PDB file of N, CA and C in Angstrom:
ATOM      1  N   UNK A   1      12.460   7.768 -34.852  1.00  0.00           N
ATOM      2  CA  UNK A   1      11.788   7.690 -33.837  1.00  0.00           C
ATOM      3  C   UNK A   1      12.035   6.319 -33.186  1.00  0.00           C
ATOM      4  N   UNK A   2      12.236   6.670 -31.775  1.00  0.00           N
ATOM      5  CA  UNK A   2      12.534   4.954 -31.128  1.00  0.00           C
ATOM      6  C   UNK A   2      11.140   5.136 -30.555  1.00  0.00           C
ATOM      7  N   UNK A   3      10.579   3.787 -30.374  1.00  0.00           N
ATOM      8  CA  UNK A   3       8.862   3.122 -29.639  1.00  0.00           C
ATOM      9  C   UNK A   3       9.692   2.577 -28.320  1.00  0.00           C
ATOM     10  N   UNK A   4       9.905   3.501 -27.211  1.00  0.00           N
ATOM     11  CA  UNK A   4      10.178   3.032 -25.869  1.00  0.00           C
ATOM     12  C   UNK A   4       8.656   2.789 -25.544  1.00  0.00           C
ATOM     13  N   UNK A   5       9.002   1.564 -25.095  1.00  0.00           N
ATOM     14  CA  UNK A   5       7.751   0.885 -24.017  1.00  0.00           C
ATOM     15  C   UNK A   5       7.721   1.453 -22.449  1.00  0.00           C
ATOM     16  N   UNK A   6       6.714   1.925 -22.020  1.00  0.00           N
ATOM     17  CA  UNK A   6       6.540   2.303 -20.623  1.00  0.00           C
ATOM     18  C   UNK A   6       6.849   0.926 -19.908  1.00  0.00           C
ATOM     19  N   UNK A   7       7.918   0.932 -18.713  1.00  0.00           N
ATOM     20  CA  UNK A   7       8.134  -0.178 -18.023  1.00  0.00           C
ATOM     21  C   UNK A   7       7.021  -0.215 -17.052  1.00  0.00           C
ATOM     22  N   UNK A   8       6.585  -1.035 -16.371  1.00  0.00           N
ATOM     23  CA  UNK A   8       5.578  -1.306 -15.082  1.00  0.00           C
ATOM     24  C   UNK A   8       6.731  -1.857 -13.965  1.00  0.00           C
ATOM     25  N   UNK A   9       6.650  -0.878 -13.085  1.00  0.00           N
ATOM     26  CA  UNK A   9       7.523  -1.257 -11.468  1.00  0.00           C
ATOM     27  C   UNK A   9       6.881  -2.694 -10.829  1.00  0.00           C
ATOM     28  N   UNK A  10       6.842  -3.640 -10.992  1.00  0.00           N
ATOM     29  CA  UNK A  10       6.021  -4.946  -9.993  1.00  0.00           C
ATOM     30  C   UNK A  10       6.026  -4.531  -8.717  1.00  0.00           C
ATOM     31  N   UNK A  11       7.584  -3.878  -8.457  1.00  0.00           N
ATOM     32  CA  UNK A  11       7.451  -3.411  -6.609  1.00  0.00           C
ATOM     33  C   UNK A  11       8.054  -2.235  -6.635  1.00  0.00           C
ATOM     34  N   UNK A  12       6.594  -1.198  -7.056  1.00  0.00           N
ATOM     35  CA  UNK A  12       6.206   0.068  -6.843  1.00  0.00           C
ATOM     36  C   UNK A  12       4.886   0.066  -5.685  1.00  0.00           C
ATOM     37  N   UNK A  13       4.387   0.811  -5.058  1.00  0.00           N
ATOM     38  CA  UNK A  13       3.343   1.237  -4.623  1.00  0.00           C
ATOM     39  C   UNK A  13       2.809   2.037  -5.361  1.00  0.00           C
ATOM     40  N   UNK A  14       1.509   2.261  -5.105  1.00  0.00           N
ATOM     41  CA  UNK A  14       0.540   3.230  -6.193  1.00  0.00           C
ATOM     42  C   UNK A  14       0.938   4.462  -6.460  1.00  0.00           C
ATOM     43  N   UNK A  15       1.639   5.125  -5.041  1.00  0.00           N
ATOM     44  CA  UNK A  15       1.933   6.253  -4.941  1.00  0.00           C
ATOM     45  C   UNK A  15       2.686   6.389  -6.041  1.00  0.00           C
ATOM     46  N   UNK A  16       3.477   5.443  -6.223  1.00  0.00           N
ATOM     47  CA  UNK A  16       4.939   5.572  -6.775  1.00  0.00           C
ATOM     48  C   UNK A  16       4.682   5.421  -8.028  1.00  0.00           C
ATOM     49  N   UNK A  17       3.465   5.215  -8.461  1.00  0.00           N
ATOM     50  CA  UNK A  17       3.346   4.958 -10.459  1.00  0.00           C
ATOM     51  C   UNK A  17       2.536   6.499 -10.762  1.00  0.00           C
ATOM     52  N   UNK A  18       2.534   6.203 -11.969  1.00  0.00           N
ATOM     53  CA  UNK A  18       1.846   7.333 -13.281  1.00  0.00           C
ATOM     54  C   UNK A  18       0.609   7.645 -12.223  1.00  0.00           C
ATOM     55  N   UNK A  19       0.207   8.788 -12.072  1.00  0.00           N
ATOM     56  CA  UNK A  19      -0.979   9.369 -11.530  1.00  0.00           C
ATOM     57  C   UNK A  19      -2.116   9.751 -12.666  1.00  0.00           C
ATOM     58  N   UNK A  20      -3.523   8.959 -12.198  1.00  0.00           N
ATOM     59  CA  UNK A  20      -4.293   9.292 -12.860  1.00  0.00           C
ATOM     60  C   UNK A  20      -5.514   9.404 -11.609  1.00  0.00           C
ATOM     61  N   UNK A  21      -6.663   9.442 -12.122  1.00  0.00           N
ATOM     62  CA  UNK A  21      -7.648   9.362 -11.403  1.00  0.00           C
ATOM     63  C   UNK A  21      -8.468   8.536 -10.575  1.00  0.00           C
ATOM     64  N   UNK A  22      -7.906   7.315 -10.921  1.00  0.00           N
ATOM     65  CA  UNK A  22      -8.124   6.259 -10.123  1.00  0.00           C
ATOM     66  C   UNK A  22      -7.542   6.297  -8.828  1.00  0.00           C
ATOM     67  N   UNK A  23      -6.230   6.542  -9.362  1.00  0.00           N
ATOM     68  CA  UNK A  23      -5.051   6.243  -7.388  1.00  0.00           C
ATOM     69  C   UNK A  23      -5.641   7.838  -6.986  1.00  0.00           C
ATOM     70  N   UNK A  24      -5.623   8.497  -7.879  1.00  0.00           N
ATOM     71  CA  UNK A  24      -6.410   9.898  -6.969  1.00  0.00           C
ATOM     72  C   UNK A  24      -7.527  10.177  -5.862  1.00  0.00           C
ATOM     73  N   UNK A  25      -8.229   8.803  -6.531  1.00  0.00           N
ATOM     74  CA  UNK A  25      -9.844   8.477  -5.577  1.00  0.00           C
ATOM     75  C   UNK A  25      -9.269   8.296  -4.408  1.00  0.00           C
ATOM     76  N   UNK A  26      -8.352   6.767  -4.806  1.00  0.00           N
ATOM     77  CA  UNK A  26      -8.003   6.167  -3.816  1.00  0.00           C
ATOM     78  C   UNK A  26      -7.029   6.867  -2.656  1.00  0.00           C
ATOM     79  N   UNK A  27      -6.300   7.625  -2.865  1.00  0.00           N
ATOM     80  CA  UNK A  27      -5.618   8.518  -1.849  1.00  0.00           C
ATOM     81  C   UNK A  27      -6.641   9.356  -1.195  1.00  0.00           C
ATOM     82  N   UNK A  28      -7.675  10.351  -1.936  1.00  0.00           N
ATOM     83  CA  UNK A  28      -8.536  10.502  -1.450  1.00  0.00           C
ATOM     84  C   UNK A  28      -9.672   9.859  -0.225  1.00  0.00           C
ATOM     85  N   UNK A  29      -9.545   8.996  -0.511  1.00  0.00           N
ATOM     86  CA  UNK A  29     -10.481   7.806   0.239  1.00  0.00           C
ATOM     87  C   UNK A  29      -9.351   7.684   1.301  1.00  0.00           C
ATOM     88  N   UNK A  30      -7.920   7.527   1.480  1.00  0.00           N
ATOM     89  CA  UNK A  30      -7.291   7.428   2.621  1.00  0.00           C
ATOM     90  C   UNK A  30      -7.332   8.443   3.746  1.00  0.00           C
ATOM     91  N   UNK A  31      -7.475   9.784   2.807  1.00  0.00           N
ATOM     92  CA  UNK A  31      -7.460  10.777   3.444  1.00  0.00           C
ATOM     93  C   UNK A  31      -8.867  11.320   4.378  1.00  0.00           C
ATOM     94  N   UNK A  32      -9.557  10.628   3.332  1.00  0.00           N
ATOM     95  CA  UNK A  32     -10.847  11.313   4.365  1.00  0.00           C
ATOM     96  C   UNK A  32     -11.065  10.378   5.479  1.00  0.00           C
ATOM     97  N   UNK A  33     -10.518   8.845   5.621  1.00  0.00           N
ATOM     98  CA  UNK A  33     -11.192   8.071   6.513  1.00  0.00           C
ATOM     99  C   UNK A  33     -11.343   8.821   8.177  1.00  0.00           C
ATOM    100  N   UNK A  34     -12.055   8.898   8.928  1.00  0.00           N
ATOM    101  CA  UNK A  34     -11.910   9.463  10.182  1.00  0.00           C
ATOM    102  C   UNK A  34     -10.597   8.992  10.959  1.00  0.00           C
ATOM    103  N   UNK A  35     -10.116   9.703  11.607  1.00  0.00           N
ATOM    104  CA  UNK A  35      -8.716   9.879  12.311  1.00  0.00           C
ATOM    105  C   UNK A  35      -8.827   8.507  13.292  1.00  0.00           C
ATOM    106  N   UNK A  36      -9.620   8.485  13.884  1.00  0.00           N
ATOM    107  CA  UNK A  36      -9.977   7.210  14.905  1.00  0.00           C
ATOM    108  C   UNK A  36      -9.785   5.774  14.259  1.00  0.00           C
ATOM    109  N   UNK A  37     -10.110   5.681  13.059  1.00  0.00           N
ATOM    110  CA  UNK A  37     -10.320   4.404  12.365  1.00  0.00           C
ATOM    111  C   UNK A  37      -8.735   4.292  11.985  1.00  0.00           C
ATOM    112  N   UNK A  38      -8.149   5.281  11.580  1.00  0.00           N
ATOM    113  CA  UNK A  38      -6.419   5.155  10.889  1.00  0.00           C
ATOM    114  C   UNK A  38      -5.394   4.942  12.331  1.00  0.00           C
ATOM    115  N   UNK A  39      -4.663   4.509  11.553  1.00  0.00           N
ATOM    116  CA  UNK A  39      -2.991   4.332  12.254  1.00  0.00           C
ATOM    117  C   UNK A  39      -2.253   5.582  11.922  1.00  0.00           C
ATOM    118  N   UNK A  40      -1.483   5.964  12.798  1.00  0.00           N
ATOM    119  CA  UNK A  40      -0.930   6.976  13.201  1.00  0.00           C
ATOM    120  C   UNK A  40       0.050   6.995  11.422  1.00  0.00           C
ATOM    121  N   UNK A  41       0.619   8.242  11.269  1.00  0.00           N
ATOM    122  CA  UNK A  41       1.555   8.526   9.867  1.00  0.00           C
ATOM    123  C   UNK A  41       2.902   7.460  10.268  1.00  0.00           C
ATOM    124  N   UNK A  42       3.381   7.379  11.263  1.00  0.00           N
ATOM    125  CA  UNK A  42       4.665   6.685  11.873  1.00  0.00           C
ATOM    126  C   UNK A  42       4.466   5.179  11.371  1.00  0.00           C
ATOM    127  N   UNK A  43       3.378   4.792  11.544  1.00  0.00           N
ATOM    128  CA  UNK A  43       2.480   3.166  11.849  1.00  0.00           C
ATOM    129  C   UNK A  43       2.474   2.874  10.284  1.00  0.00           C
ATOM    130  N   UNK A  44       1.877   3.492  10.054  1.00  0.00           N
ATOM    131  CA  UNK A  44       1.594   3.421   7.941  1.00  0.00           C
ATOM    132  C   UNK A  44       2.603   3.379   6.995  1.00  0.00           C
ATOM    133  N   UNK A  45       3.567   4.260   7.315  1.00  0.00           N
ATOM    134  CA  UNK A  45       4.906   4.508   7.309  1.00  0.00           C
ATOM    135  C   UNK A  45       5.601   3.138   7.158  1.00  0.00           C
ATOM    136  N   UNK A  46       6.045   2.728   8.245  1.00  0.00           N
ATOM    137  CA  UNK A  46       6.168   1.397   8.825  1.00  0.00           C
ATOM    138  C   UNK A  46       5.596   0.295   7.753  1.00  0.00           C
ATOM    139  N   UNK A  47       4.309   0.044   8.222  1.00  0.00           N
ATOM    140  CA  UNK A  47       3.356  -1.324   7.527  1.00  0.00           C
ATOM    141  C   UNK A  47       4.198  -0.885   6.017  1.00  0.00           C
ATOM    142  N   UNK A  48       3.772   0.537   5.107  1.00  0.00           N
ATOM    143  CA  UNK A  48       4.294   0.438   3.496  1.00  0.00           C
ATOM    144  C   UNK A  48       5.869   0.038   3.453  1.00  0.00           C
ATOM    145  N   UNK A  49       6.625  -0.239   4.290  1.00  0.00           N
ATOM    146  CA  UNK A  49       8.071  -0.513   4.490  1.00  0.00           C
ATOM    147  C   UNK A  49       8.398  -1.634   4.312  1.00  0.00           C
ATOM    148  N   UNK A  50       7.119  -2.105   4.834  1.00  0.00           N
ATOM    149  CA  UNK A  50       6.828  -4.140   5.255  1.00  0.00           C
ATOM    150  C   UNK A  50       6.866  -4.809   3.907  1.00  0.00           C
ATOM    151  N   UNK A  51       5.824  -4.028   3.156  1.00  0.00           N
ATOM    152  CA  UNK A  51       4.727  -4.161   2.064  1.00  0.00           C
ATOM    153  C   UNK A  51       5.585  -4.476   1.224  1.00  0.00           C
ATOM    154  N   UNK A  52       6.925  -3.325   1.197  1.00  0.00           N
ATOM    155  CA  UNK A  52       7.669  -3.140  -0.007  1.00  0.00           C
ATOM    156  C   UNK A  52       8.974  -3.931  -0.071  1.00  0.00           C
ATOM    157  N   UNK A  53       8.940  -4.773   0.929  1.00  0.00           N
ATOM    158  CA  UNK A  53       9.926  -5.911   1.186  1.00  0.00           C
ATOM    159  C   UNK A  53       9.494  -7.415   0.855  1.00  0.00           C
ATOM    160  N   UNK A  54       8.363  -7.494   0.805  1.00  0.00           N
ATOM    161  CA  UNK A  54       7.317  -8.395   0.554  1.00  0.00           C
ATOM    162  C   UNK A  54       7.431  -9.030  -0.458  1.00  0.00           C
ATOM    163  N   UNK A  55       7.628 -10.292  -0.705  1.00  0.00           N
ATOM    164  CA  UNK A  55       7.356 -10.747  -1.935  1.00  0.00           C
ATOM    165  C   UNK A  55       6.098 -11.066  -3.084  1.00  0.00           C
ATOM    166  N   UNK A  56       5.405 -10.697  -1.640  1.00  0.00           N
ATOM    167  CA  UNK A  56       3.744 -11.038  -2.481  1.00  0.00           C
ATOM    168  C   UNK A  56       3.277  -9.493  -3.117  1.00  0.00           C
ATOM    169  N   UNK A  57       4.129  -8.529  -2.762  1.00  0.00           N
ATOM    170  CA  UNK A  57       3.768  -7.302  -3.348  1.00  0.00           C
ATOM    171  C   UNK A  57       3.319  -7.402  -4.783  1.00  0.00           C
ATOM    172  N   UNK A  58       2.486  -6.960  -5.408  1.00  0.00           N
ATOM    173  CA  UNK A  58       2.683  -6.964  -6.967  1.00  0.00           C
ATOM    174  C   UNK A  58       2.117  -5.605  -7.735  1.00  0.00           C
ATOM    175  N   UNK A  59       2.824  -4.822  -7.932  1.00  0.00           N
ATOM    176  CA  UNK A  59       1.769  -3.775  -8.892  1.00  0.00           C
ATOM    177  C   UNK A  59       0.676  -2.962  -7.467  1.00  0.00           C
ATOM    178  N   UNK A  60       1.307  -2.731  -6.705  1.00  0.00           N
ATOM    179  CA  UNK A  60       0.751  -1.735  -5.649  1.00  0.00           C
ATOM    180  C   UNK A  60      -0.522  -2.765  -4.599  1.00  0.00           C
ATOM    181  N   UNK A  61      -0.665  -4.222  -5.188  1.00  0.00           N
ATOM    182  CA  UNK A  61      -1.454  -5.031  -4.360  1.00  0.00           C
ATOM    183  C   UNK A  61      -0.854  -6.101  -3.814  1.00  0.00           C
ATOM    184  N   UNK A  62      -1.792  -6.712  -2.409  1.00  0.00           N
ATOM    185  CA  UNK A  62      -1.397  -7.616  -1.983  1.00  0.00           C
ATOM    186  C   UNK A  62      -1.470  -8.978  -2.609  1.00  0.00           C
ATOM    187  N   UNK A  63      -0.564  -9.874  -3.276  1.00  0.00           N
ATOM    188  CA  UNK A  63      -1.010 -11.119  -3.924  1.00  0.00           C
ATOM    189  C   UNK A  63      -1.694 -12.368  -2.921  1.00  0.00           C
ATOM    190  N   UNK A  64      -2.017 -11.791  -1.330  1.00  0.00           N
ATOM    191  CA  UNK A  64      -2.108 -12.877  -0.744  1.00  0.00           C
ATOM    192  C   UNK A  64      -3.847 -12.521  -0.917  1.00  0.00           C
ATOM    193  N   UNK A  65      -3.941 -11.421  -0.279  1.00  0.00           N
ATOM    194  CA  UNK A  65      -5.863 -10.873  -0.142  1.00  0.00           C
ATOM    195  C   UNK A  65      -6.165 -10.252  -1.326  1.00  0.00           C
ATOM    196  N   UNK A  66      -5.385  -9.896  -2.343  1.00  0.00           N
ATOM    197  CA  UNK A  66      -6.072  -8.705  -3.572  1.00  0.00           C
ATOM    198  C   UNK A  66      -6.306  -7.611  -3.003  1.00  0.00           C
ATOM    199  N   UNK A  67      -5.637  -7.249  -2.100  1.00  0.00           N
ATOM    200  CA  UNK A  67      -6.268  -5.329  -1.398  1.00  0.00           C
ATOM    201  C   UNK A  67      -5.027  -4.833  -2.184  1.00  0.00           C
ATOM    202  N   UNK A  68      -5.331  -3.163  -2.295  1.00  0.00           N
ATOM    203  CA  UNK A  68      -4.221  -2.443  -2.029  1.00  0.00           C
ATOM    204  C   UNK A  68      -3.676  -1.927  -1.258  1.00  0.00           C
ATOM    205  N   UNK A  69      -2.388  -2.169  -0.924  1.00  0.00           N
ATOM    206  CA  UNK A  69      -1.737  -2.258   0.118  1.00  0.00           C
ATOM    207  C   UNK A  69      -2.100  -0.891   0.782  1.00  0.00           C
ATOM    208  N   UNK A  70      -1.651   0.363  -0.160  1.00  0.00           N
ATOM    209  CA  UNK A  70      -1.544   1.405   0.763  1.00  0.00           C
ATOM    210  C   UNK A  70      -2.926   1.691   1.552  1.00  0.00           C
ATOM    211  N   UNK A  71      -3.998   1.345   1.061  1.00  0.00           N
ATOM    212  CA  UNK A  71      -5.383   1.235   1.733  1.00  0.00           C
ATOM    213  C   UNK A  71      -5.939   0.277   3.048  1.00  0.00           C
ATOM    214  N   UNK A  72      -5.150  -0.572   2.611  1.00  0.00           N
ATOM    215  CA  UNK A  72      -5.225  -1.439   3.933  1.00  0.00           C
ATOM    216  C   UNK A  72      -4.375  -1.303   5.358  1.00  0.00           C
ATOM    217  N   UNK A  73      -2.916  -0.542   4.679  1.00  0.00           N
ATOM    218  CA  UNK A  73      -2.242   0.054   5.789  1.00  0.00           C
ATOM    219  C   UNK A  73      -2.509   1.125   6.374  1.00  0.00           C
ATOM    220  N   UNK A  74      -3.384   1.628   6.131  1.00  0.00           N
ATOM    221  CA  UNK A  74      -3.996   2.845   6.809  1.00  0.00           C
ATOM    222  C   UNK A  74      -5.119   2.849   8.048  1.00  0.00           C
ATOM    223  N   UNK A  75      -5.412   1.368   7.779  1.00  0.00           N
ATOM    224  CA  UNK A  75      -6.636   1.102   8.785  1.00  0.00           C
ATOM    225  C   UNK A  75      -6.393   0.133   9.573  1.00  0.00           C
ATOM    226  N   UNK A  76      -6.535   0.737  11.214  1.00  0.00           N
ATOM    227  CA  UNK A  76      -6.405   0.041  12.257  1.00  0.00           C
ATOM    228  C   UNK A  76      -6.982  -0.765  12.137  1.00  0.00           C
ATOM    229  N   UNK A  77      -8.322  -1.714  12.023  1.00  0.00           N
ATOM    230  CA  UNK A  77      -8.530  -2.836  12.109  1.00  0.00           C
ATOM    231  C   UNK A  77      -8.312  -3.759  11.110  1.00  0.00           C
ATOM    232  N   UNK A  78      -7.320  -3.534  10.396  1.00  0.00           N
ATOM    233  CA  UNK A  78      -6.633  -4.368   8.940  1.00  0.00           C
ATOM    234  C   UNK A  78      -5.436  -4.745   9.441  1.00  0.00           C
ATOM    235  N   UNK A  79      -5.021  -6.538   9.043  1.00  0.00           N
ATOM    236  CA  UNK A  79      -3.325  -6.456   9.708  1.00  0.00           C
ATOM    237  C   UNK A  79      -3.074  -7.476   8.240  1.00  0.00           C
ATOM    238  N   UNK A  80      -1.950  -7.413   8.714  1.00  0.00           N
ATOM    239  CA  UNK A  80      -1.168  -8.229   7.141  1.00  0.00           C
ATOM    240  C   UNK A  80      -1.526  -9.483   7.070  1.00  0.00           C
ATOM    241  N   UNK A  81      -2.090  -9.970   6.236  1.00  0.00           N
ATOM    242  CA  UNK A  81      -2.411 -11.316   5.556  1.00  0.00           C
ATOM    243  C   UNK A  81      -1.202 -12.348   5.899  1.00  0.00           C
ATOM    244  N   UNK A  82      -0.384 -12.185   5.220  1.00  0.00           N
ATOM    245  CA  UNK A  82       0.843 -12.845   5.049  1.00  0.00           C
ATOM    246  C   UNK A  82       1.264 -13.674   6.016  1.00  0.00           C
ATOM    247  N   UNK A  83       1.844 -14.970   6.021  1.00  0.00           N
ATOM    248  CA  UNK A  83       1.714 -16.058   7.136  1.00  0.00           C
ATOM    249  C   UNK A  83       2.947 -15.367   8.433  1.00  0.00           C
ATOM    250  N   UNK A  84       4.076 -14.388   7.343  1.00  0.00           N
ATOM    251  CA  UNK A  84       4.714 -14.130   8.769  1.00  0.00           C
ATOM    252  C   UNK A  84       4.185 -12.694   9.532  1.00  0.00           C
ATOM    253  N   UNK A  85       2.930 -12.099   9.200  1.00  0.00           N
ATOM    254  CA  UNK A  85       2.354 -11.401  10.360  1.00  0.00           C
ATOM    255  C   UNK A  85       2.833  -9.896  10.069  1.00  0.00           C
ATOM    256  N   UNK A  86       4.003  -9.339   9.233  1.00  0.00           N
ATOM    257  CA  UNK A  86       4.889  -8.343   9.683  1.00  0.00           C
ATOM    258  C   UNK A  86       4.127  -7.064  10.468  1.00  0.00           C
ATOM    259  N   UNK A  87       3.119  -6.832   9.863  1.00  0.00           N
ATOM    260  CA  UNK A  87       2.476  -5.800  10.861  1.00  0.00           C
ATOM    261  C   UNK A  87       2.580  -5.957  12.107  1.00  0.00           C
ATOM    262  N   UNK A  88       2.169  -7.168  12.657  1.00  0.00           N
ATOM    263  CA  UNK A  88       2.148  -7.346  14.041  1.00  0.00           C
ATOM    264  C   UNK A  88       3.423  -6.509  14.674  1.00  0.00           C
ATOM    265  N   UNK A  89       4.400  -6.371  14.297  1.00  0.00           N
ATOM    266  CA  UNK A  89       5.630  -5.991  14.653  1.00  0.00           C
ATOM    267  C   UNK A  89       5.662  -4.380  14.658  1.00  0.00           C
ATOM    268  N   UNK A  90       4.274  -3.779  14.403  1.00  0.00           N
ATOM    269  CA  UNK A  90       3.942  -2.246  14.584  1.00  0.00           C
ATOM    270  C   UNK A  90       5.028  -1.593  15.859  1.00  0.00           C
ATOM    271  N   UNK A  91       5.231  -0.589  15.323  1.00  0.00           N
ATOM    272  CA  UNK A  91       5.893   0.380  16.964  1.00  0.00           C
ATOM    273  C   UNK A  91       4.990   1.552  16.817  1.00  0.00           C
ATOM    274  N   UNK A  92       4.825   1.870  18.275  1.00  0.00           N
ATOM    275  CA  UNK A  92       3.931   2.557  18.536  1.00  0.00           C
ATOM    276  C   UNK A  92       2.693   2.878  19.123  1.00  0.00           C
TER     277      UNK A  92
END
């Protein structure tokens, strides 16, 4: 028998990790946000793209502010906490 260790992807978003109840609850929270409080799907995906390229993404969390980037990226009132302010480049 081989004892394989599960590798943890340090540069993955939560939606790309093994699913469990906690992450399911987070996704349900995002889906349940009022539409007027959420960015468009296009902006959301663009924000996540910036996060995936950022050196401060670690296990789905921002090392600068400690948020789960998928939750923060979904909300209109939130912005990128990094020095580069990547989300200010939002299109749409």
